[in-house]
Amino acid sequence: MNRMKLALWGSLGLALVVATPARAQLSVYCGVDEDWCRGMVNAFTQQTGIRTDMSRMSNGEIYARLRAEKENPRGDIWWGGTGDPHLQAADDGLTEPYVSPLLPQLRDWAQKYSQVSHQRTVGIYLGALGFGYNKEELASRKLAPPACWADLIKPEFKGEVQMADPNSSGTAWTVLATVVQVMGEDPAFAYLKKLHQNINEYTKAGAAPALAMGRGETMVGIAFQHDIIAVAKTGKPVVTVSPCEGTGYEIGAMSIIKGAKHMDEAKKFYEWALTPAAQALAPKFNSFQLPSNANLAPPPESPDLAKIKLINYDSAKYGSAAERTRLLKRWNDEVKSQAR
């Protein structure tokens, strides 16, 4: 009887082994839209045969996870999302230096990102910051369209503005760093306190305000312009605005996680993600940033950077972990903690 049980359990164990899927050979932490994340890893697996596990999070969440997992990394590569948290991770020694043979093919700003980070990250796309408004909501209340950062603190927009929380969102961190650079730090915080009175919600993800604006849940949404354009392409009545005072931008980035357990596969993904073919996937998933590979033309839907007043965004300063910690503490103490 015992032999029969052993035989039975042995056969069941064999069946379990056969039925269990093979473990992933690469773990990707992804900081862009879920569909684009999924499209990238699926295409990579199809082309290379490397099984890939993907976790989609906001960039602030990924940065926090890398800090928490420093002694035992669970991810191998961090792809996408605003570059400042990538630079902060590089500053903390959480990512691995790597120089791609494809680096000379990249646009100047992408190569500069590699240099600034001491080769611990690289630029994969560029997107301008801005805001948008729901034109139907605006017309129904007979309000003038906002054109400047200063317009967003007007009384008529009380409870009608949405942005993400800079503690979790790379987009919102770019908002904070941008207004500080446009206005100067103390005037910027005076502005942010007034803006706080008009905010209806601080979302976790940076693209959420654009989506909420399209659904009519908020009149104004602060987001990257390509995220607002993606909502407009679905037929929603939203209009994209480049603030008149000037605006910052993101350089979306990619980093290999220090101590990655699948280092060879991480480097293969890194190389593949810098190719024109991989970067050409973005518009298929409604992502219209300027790609970093100079051999690939921007999508026609991309914002025309020549028509946008871009500031000289200081990536080195606002990509440092110390500056992030300092400014976030001030924002939490002086802005977010205040009643609305």
Protein backbone atom coordinates (compact mmCIF):
# COMPACT_ATOMS: atom_id res chain seq x y z
CA MET A 1 0.00 0.00 0.00
CA ASN A 2 2.81 2.39 0.94
CA ARG A 3 4.54 1.62 -2.37
CA MET A 4 1.34 2.44 -4.23
CA LYS A 5 1.05 5.75 -2.37
CA LEU A 6 4.66 6.59 -3.16
CA ALA A 7 4.10 5.73 -6.81
CA LEU A 8 0.97 7.86 -6.88
CA TRP A 9 2.63 10.82 -5.22
CA GLY A 10 5.62 10.40 -7.50
CA SER A 11 3.43 10.53 -10.57
CA LEU A 12 1.56 13.56 -9.22
CA GLY A 13 4.85 15.29 -8.45
CA LEU A 14 6.01 14.63 -12.00
CA ALA A 15 2.75 16.04 -13.33
CA LEU A 16 3.19 19.15 -11.20
CA VAL A 17 6.70 19.65 -12.48
CA VAL A 18 5.54 19.29 -16.07
CA ALA A 19 2.57 21.65 -15.56
CA THR A 20 4.52 24.41 -13.79
CA PRO A 21 5.51 27.21 -16.23
CA ALA A 22 9.21 27.89 -16.62
CA ARG A 23 10.46 30.75 -14.47
CA ALA A 24 11.11 34.11 -16.10
CA GLN A 25 14.65 34.72 -17.30
CA LEU A 26 14.31 38.51 -16.99
CA SER A 27 12.41 40.78 -14.59
CA VAL A 28 11.48 44.22 -15.93
CA TYR A 29 10.26 47.10 -13.78
CA CYS A 30 8.32 49.33 -16.15
CA GLY A 31 7.43 52.99 -15.59
CA VAL A 32 5.20 53.83 -18.57
CA ASP A 33 1.62 52.99 -19.55
CA GLU A 34 0.62 49.36 -18.95
CA ASP A 35 -0.15 48.65 -22.63
CA TRP A 36 3.22 49.95 -23.79
CA CYS A 37 4.98 47.99 -21.04
CA ARG A 38 3.20 44.80 -22.06
CA GLY A 39 3.83 45.44 -25.76
CA MET A 40 7.55 45.93 -25.20
CA VAL A 41 8.14 42.79 -23.14
CA ASN A 42 5.98 40.66 -25.44
CA ALA A 43 7.89 41.85 -28.51
CA PHE A 44 11.22 41.23 -26.78
CA THR A 45 10.22 37.68 -25.83
CA GLN A 46 8.95 36.94 -29.33
CA GLN A 47 12.19 38.15 -30.91
CA THR A 48 14.66 36.65 -28.45
CA GLY A 49 12.88 33.73 -26.79
CA ILE A 50 13.80 35.15 -23.38
CA ARG A 51 10.91 34.71 -20.93
CA THR A 52 10.14 38.01 -19.27
CA ASP A 53 8.23 39.03 -16.16
CA MET A 54 6.98 42.64 -16.06
CA SER A 55 5.88 44.75 -13.10
CA ARG A 56 4.24 48.10 -13.95
CA MET A 57 4.63 50.85 -11.32
CA SER A 58 4.97 54.61 -11.14
CA ASN A 59 8.59 55.72 -11.21
CA GLY A 60 8.50 56.89 -7.61
CA GLU A 61 7.34 53.42 -6.60
CA ILE A 62 10.12 51.77 -8.61
CA TYR A 63 12.74 54.03 -7.03
CA ALA A 64 11.40 53.17 -3.57
CA ARG A 65 11.43 49.45 -4.41
CA LEU A 66 15.04 49.58 -5.57
CA ARG A 67 15.99 51.17 -2.26
CA ALA A 68 14.03 48.52 -0.33
CA GLU A 69 15.50 45.65 -2.39
CA LYS A 70 19.06 46.95 -2.40
CA GLU A 71 20.49 43.91 -0.59
CA ASN A 72 18.44 41.41 -2.62
CA PRO A 73 17.36 42.85 -6.01
CA ARG A 74 14.31 41.22 -7.53
CA GLY A 75 14.29 43.25 -10.73
CA ASP A 76 16.88 43.17 -13.49
CA ILE A 77 16.13 46.22 -15.60
CA TRP A 78 14.13 49.41 -15.13
CA TRP A 79 12.64 50.59 -18.39
CA GLY A 80 10.79 53.85 -18.96
CA GLY A 81 9.37 56.61 -16.84
CA THR A 82 10.69 60.07 -16.04
CA GLY A 83 14.45 60.14 -15.89
CA ASP A 84 14.94 62.10 -12.66
CA PRO A 85 14.22 59.07 -10.43
CA HIS A 86 16.63 57.06 -12.61
CA LEU A 87 19.30 59.70 -11.91
CA GLN A 88 18.44 59.61 -8.20
CA ALA A 89 18.87 55.83 -8.23
CA ALA A 90 22.20 56.26 -10.02
CA ASP A 91 23.22 58.79 -7.37
CA ASP A 92 22.38 56.20 -4.70
CA GLY A 93 24.40 53.49 -6.46
CA LEU A 94 21.30 51.38 -7.11
CA THR A 95 21.96 50.89 -10.82
CA GLU A 96 24.78 49.38 -12.85
CA PRO A 97 27.16 51.31 -15.16
CA TYR A 98 26.80 50.16 -18.76
CA VAL A 99 27.79 51.72 -22.09
CA SER A 100 25.87 50.45 -25.09
CA PRO A 101 27.51 50.12 -28.51
CA LEU A 102 24.37 51.89 -29.80
CA LEU A 103 25.04 55.01 -27.72
CA PRO A 104 26.52 56.98 -30.69
CA GLN A 105 23.21 56.46 -32.57
CA LEU A 106 21.25 58.30 -29.91
CA ARG A 107 20.24 61.96 -29.89
CA ASP A 108 22.48 64.34 -27.94
CA TRP A 109 20.15 64.62 -24.95
CA ALA A 110 20.05 60.83 -24.55
CA GLN A 111 23.84 60.57 -24.66
CA LYS A 112 24.14 63.45 -22.17
CA TYR A 113 21.90 61.54 -19.76
CA SER A 114 24.35 58.67 -19.86
CA GLN A 115 27.24 61.02 -19.15
CA VAL A 116 25.49 62.84 -16.29
CA SER A 117 24.65 59.51 -14.61
CA HIS A 118 28.19 58.13 -15.04
CA GLN A 119 26.77 55.58 -17.50
CA ARG A 120 24.18 54.26 -15.01
CA THR A 121 21.18 55.29 -17.12
CA VAL A 122 20.39 56.35 -20.69
CA GLY A 123 17.69 58.41 -22.38
CA ILE A 124 15.08 56.50 -24.39
CA TYR A 125 12.55 59.27 -25.15
CA LEU A 126 11.78 62.95 -24.48
CA GLY A 127 8.42 64.48 -23.60
CA ALA A 128 7.39 68.06 -22.76
CA LEU A 129 5.42 68.87 -19.61
CA GLY A 130 2.19 70.84 -19.86
CA PHE A 131 -1.46 70.72 -18.95
CA GLY A 132 -4.75 70.34 -20.73
CA TYR A 133 -8.38 71.17 -20.32
CA ASN A 134 -11.71 69.62 -21.22
CA LYS A 135 -13.11 72.11 -23.71
CA GLU A 136 -16.72 71.01 -23.24
CA GLU A 137 -16.52 71.52 -19.46
CA LEU A 138 -14.80 74.86 -19.98
CA ALA A 139 -17.42 76.05 -22.50
CA SER A 140 -20.32 74.98 -20.29
CA ARG A 141 -19.04 77.32 -17.57
CA LYS A 142 -18.07 80.10 -20.00
CA LEU A 143 -14.45 80.20 -18.79
CA ALA A 144 -11.44 81.49 -20.72
CA PRO A 145 -8.98 78.69 -21.61
CA PRO A 146 -5.92 78.59 -19.32
CA ALA A 147 -2.69 79.36 -21.17
CA CYS A 148 -0.13 79.83 -18.38
CA TRP A 149 0.88 78.25 -15.08
CA ALA A 150 -0.46 81.43 -13.45
CA ASP A 151 -3.96 80.74 -14.80
CA LEU A 152 -4.29 77.52 -12.82
CA ILE A 153 -4.48 79.35 -9.48
CA LYS A 154 -7.40 81.57 -10.53
CA PRO A 155 -10.53 81.29 -8.32
CA GLU A 156 -12.65 79.96 -11.18
CA PHE A 157 -10.57 76.77 -11.20
CA LYS A 158 -11.24 75.99 -7.53
CA GLY A 159 -11.49 72.20 -7.25
CA GLU A 160 -11.06 71.81 -11.01
CA VAL A 161 -7.35 70.96 -11.32
CA GLN A 162 -5.78 67.54 -10.96
CA MET A 163 -2.14 66.46 -10.83
CA ALA A 164 -0.19 63.53 -9.47
CA ASP A 165 1.63 63.34 -6.16
CA PRO A 166 5.39 63.99 -6.57
CA ASN A 167 6.14 61.44 -3.86
CA SER A 168 4.97 58.63 -6.16
CA SER A 169 4.98 60.14 -9.63
CA GLY A 170 7.92 61.09 -11.82
CA THR A 171 5.59 63.36 -13.80
CA ALA A 172 4.62 65.33 -10.71
CA TRP A 173 8.24 65.51 -9.57
CA THR A 174 8.94 67.16 -12.93
CA VAL A 175 6.10 69.63 -12.21
CA LEU A 176 7.66 70.51 -8.86
CA ALA A 177 11.18 70.84 -10.31
CA THR A 178 9.85 72.85 -13.26
CA VAL A 179 7.97 75.53 -11.31
CA VAL A 180 10.97 75.91 -8.99
CA GLN A 181 13.19 76.56 -12.01
CA VAL A 182 10.67 78.83 -13.76
CA MET A 183 9.76 80.96 -10.73
CA GLY A 184 12.53 80.55 -8.18
CA GLU A 185 12.09 78.33 -5.12
CA ASP A 186 10.25 80.59 -2.66
CA PRO A 187 7.87 82.09 -5.27
CA ALA A 188 7.29 78.55 -6.59
CA PHE A 189 6.19 77.30 -3.19
CA ALA A 190 3.92 80.32 -2.77
CA TYR A 191 2.41 79.36 -6.14
CA LEU A 192 2.10 75.66 -5.19
CA LYS A 193 0.23 76.59 -1.99
CA LYS A 194 -2.29 78.54 -4.06
CA LEU A 195 -2.50 75.75 -6.62
CA HIS A 196 -3.18 73.30 -3.78
CA GLN A 197 -6.45 75.14 -3.09
CA ASN A 198 -7.60 74.37 -6.65
CA ILE A 199 -6.52 70.71 -6.67
CA ASN A 200 -9.31 68.13 -6.49
CA GLU A 201 -7.01 65.11 -6.21
CA TYR A 202 -3.35 64.16 -6.16
CA THR A 203 -3.20 60.90 -8.10
CA LYS A 204 -0.57 58.18 -7.77
CA ALA A 205 0.25 57.93 -11.48
CA GLY A 206 1.32 60.83 -13.68
CA ALA A 207 -0.95 60.03 -16.63
CA ALA A 208 -4.09 59.72 -14.47
CA PRO A 209 -5.04 63.44 -14.63
CA ALA A 210 -5.09 63.29 -18.45
CA LEU A 211 -7.40 60.29 -18.37
CA ALA A 212 -9.66 61.90 -15.76
CA MET A 213 -9.84 65.05 -17.86
CA GLY A 214 -10.98 63.00 -20.85
CA ARG A 215 -13.74 61.43 -18.75
CA GLY A 216 -14.92 64.85 -17.56
CA GLU A 217 -13.92 64.12 -13.97
CA THR A 218 -11.65 67.17 -13.82
CA MET A 219 -11.63 70.28 -15.97
CA VAL A 220 -7.84 70.72 -15.99
CA GLY A 221 -5.14 68.03 -15.81
CA ILE A 222 -1.40 68.60 -15.40
CA ALA A 223 0.54 65.93 -17.28
CA PHE A 224 3.06 65.33 -20.01
CA GLN A 225 1.73 66.59 -23.30
CA HIS A 226 2.04 63.23 -25.04
CA ASP A 227 -0.29 61.71 -22.42
CA ILE A 228 -2.89 64.39 -23.14
CA ILE A 229 -2.48 63.87 -26.90
CA ALA A 230 -3.08 60.14 -26.40
CA VAL A 231 -6.40 60.92 -24.67
CA ALA A 232 -7.38 63.36 -27.44
CA LYS A 233 -6.75 60.66 -30.06
CA THR A 234 -9.47 58.54 -28.47
CA GLY A 235 -11.99 61.25 -29.35
CA LYS A 236 -12.15 62.95 -25.96
CA PRO A 237 -12.65 66.76 -25.97
CA VAL A 238 -9.29 67.70 -24.47
CA VAL A 239 -6.87 70.43 -25.54
CA THR A 240 -3.11 70.42 -24.86
CA VAL A 241 -1.42 73.56 -23.51
CA SER A 242 2.26 74.55 -23.42
CA PRO A 243 2.49 77.03 -20.49
CA CYS A 244 3.38 80.55 -21.59
CA GLU A 245 6.04 81.06 -18.89
CA GLY A 246 7.98 78.04 -20.14
CA THR A 247 7.94 74.41 -19.16
CA GLY A 248 10.17 71.52 -18.28
CA TYR A 249 10.45 68.14 -19.89
CA GLU A 250 11.21 64.56 -19.07
CA ILE A 251 13.86 62.37 -20.55
CA GLY A 252 12.46 58.90 -20.12
CA ALA A 253 15.25 56.56 -19.15
CA MET A 254 16.43 52.99 -18.81
CA SER A 255 18.73 51.52 -16.17
CA ILE A 256 20.17 48.12 -15.32
CA ILE A 257 19.56 47.33 -11.66
CA LYS A 258 22.72 46.78 -9.60
CA GLY A 259 23.09 43.15 -8.60
CA ALA A 260 20.63 41.96 -11.27
CA LYS A 261 20.33 38.19 -11.15
CA HIS A 262 19.92 37.98 -14.94
CA MET A 263 22.59 40.45 -16.02
CA ASP A 264 23.22 39.03 -19.51
CA GLU A 265 19.50 39.08 -20.34
CA ALA A 266 19.19 42.61 -18.92
CA LYS A 267 21.93 43.81 -21.27
CA LYS A 268 20.21 42.12 -24.22
CA PHE A 269 16.97 43.94 -23.38
CA TYR A 270 18.92 47.21 -22.97
CA GLU A 271 20.49 46.84 -26.42
CA TRP A 272 17.20 45.86 -28.05
CA ALA A 273 15.27 48.75 -26.45
CA LEU A 274 17.65 51.30 -28.01
CA THR A 275 17.08 50.05 -31.57
CA PRO A 276 14.80 51.95 -33.99
CA ALA A 277 12.60 48.85 -34.33
CA ALA A 278 11.91 48.65 -30.59
CA GLN A 279 11.37 52.39 -30.24
CA ALA A 280 9.00 52.37 -33.23
CA LEU A 281 6.57 50.32 -31.14
CA ALA A 282 5.62 53.35 -29.00
CA PRO A 283 2.94 54.91 -31.27
CA LYS A 284 1.22 51.53 -31.59
CA PHE A 285 0.41 51.88 -27.90
CA ASN A 286 -0.61 55.57 -28.07
CA SER A 287 2.75 56.84 -26.79
CA PHE A 288 3.99 59.82 -28.78
CA GLN A 289 7.27 60.89 -27.19
CA LEU A 290 10.34 61.85 -29.20
CA PRO A 291 12.42 58.64 -29.52
CA SER A 292 16.08 58.75 -28.54
CA ASN A 293 17.45 56.84 -31.54
CA ALA A 294 18.28 59.49 -34.15
CA ASN A 295 17.62 57.02 -36.98
CA LEU A 296 13.90 57.01 -36.11
CA ALA A 297 11.67 59.95 -37.00
CA PRO A 298 9.31 61.24 -34.28
CA PRO A 299 5.66 60.14 -34.54
CA PRO A 300 3.59 62.77 -36.40
CA GLU A 301 1.41 63.17 -33.30
CA SER A 302 4.39 64.20 -31.15
CA PRO A 303 4.36 67.77 -29.78
CA ASP A 304 6.44 70.11 -31.94
CA LEU A 305 9.27 71.04 -29.57
CA ALA A 306 10.18 74.00 -31.79
CA LYS A 307 6.86 75.60 -30.80
CA ILE A 308 7.23 74.97 -27.06
CA LYS A 309 9.10 77.29 -24.69
CA LEU A 310 11.30 74.71 -23.01
CA ILE A 311 13.40 75.76 -20.03
CA ASN A 312 17.02 74.76 -19.59
CA TYR A 313 16.02 71.92 -17.26
CA ASP A 314 18.81 71.11 -14.80
CA SER A 315 18.74 67.32 -14.84
CA ALA A 316 21.90 66.95 -12.77
CA LYS A 317 20.55 69.02 -9.86
CA TYR A 318 16.96 67.79 -9.90
CA GLY A 319 18.05 64.25 -10.58
CA SER A 320 20.03 64.09 -7.34
CA ALA A 321 18.70 62.12 -4.40
CA ALA A 322 19.55 64.94 -1.97
CA GLU A 323 17.56 67.54 -3.90
CA ARG A 324 14.63 65.17 -4.27
CA THR A 325 14.56 64.48 -0.53
CA ARG A 326 14.82 68.17 0.34
CA LEU A 327 12.15 69.46 -2.05
CA LEU A 328 9.71 66.63 -1.34
CA LYS A 329 9.96 67.29 2.38
CA ARG A 330 9.26 70.97 1.81
CA TRP A 331 6.30 70.16 -0.48
CA ASN A 332 4.86 67.68 2.03
CA ASP A 333 5.31 70.08 4.95
CA GLU A 334 4.18 73.30 3.30
CA VAL A 335 1.75 72.23 0.56
CA LYS A 336 0.24 68.79 0.84
CA SER A 337 -0.36 69.01 4.58
CA GLN A 338 -2.50 72.15 4.23
CA ALA A 339 -6.30 71.98 4.30
CA ARG A 340 -8.24 72.61 1.08
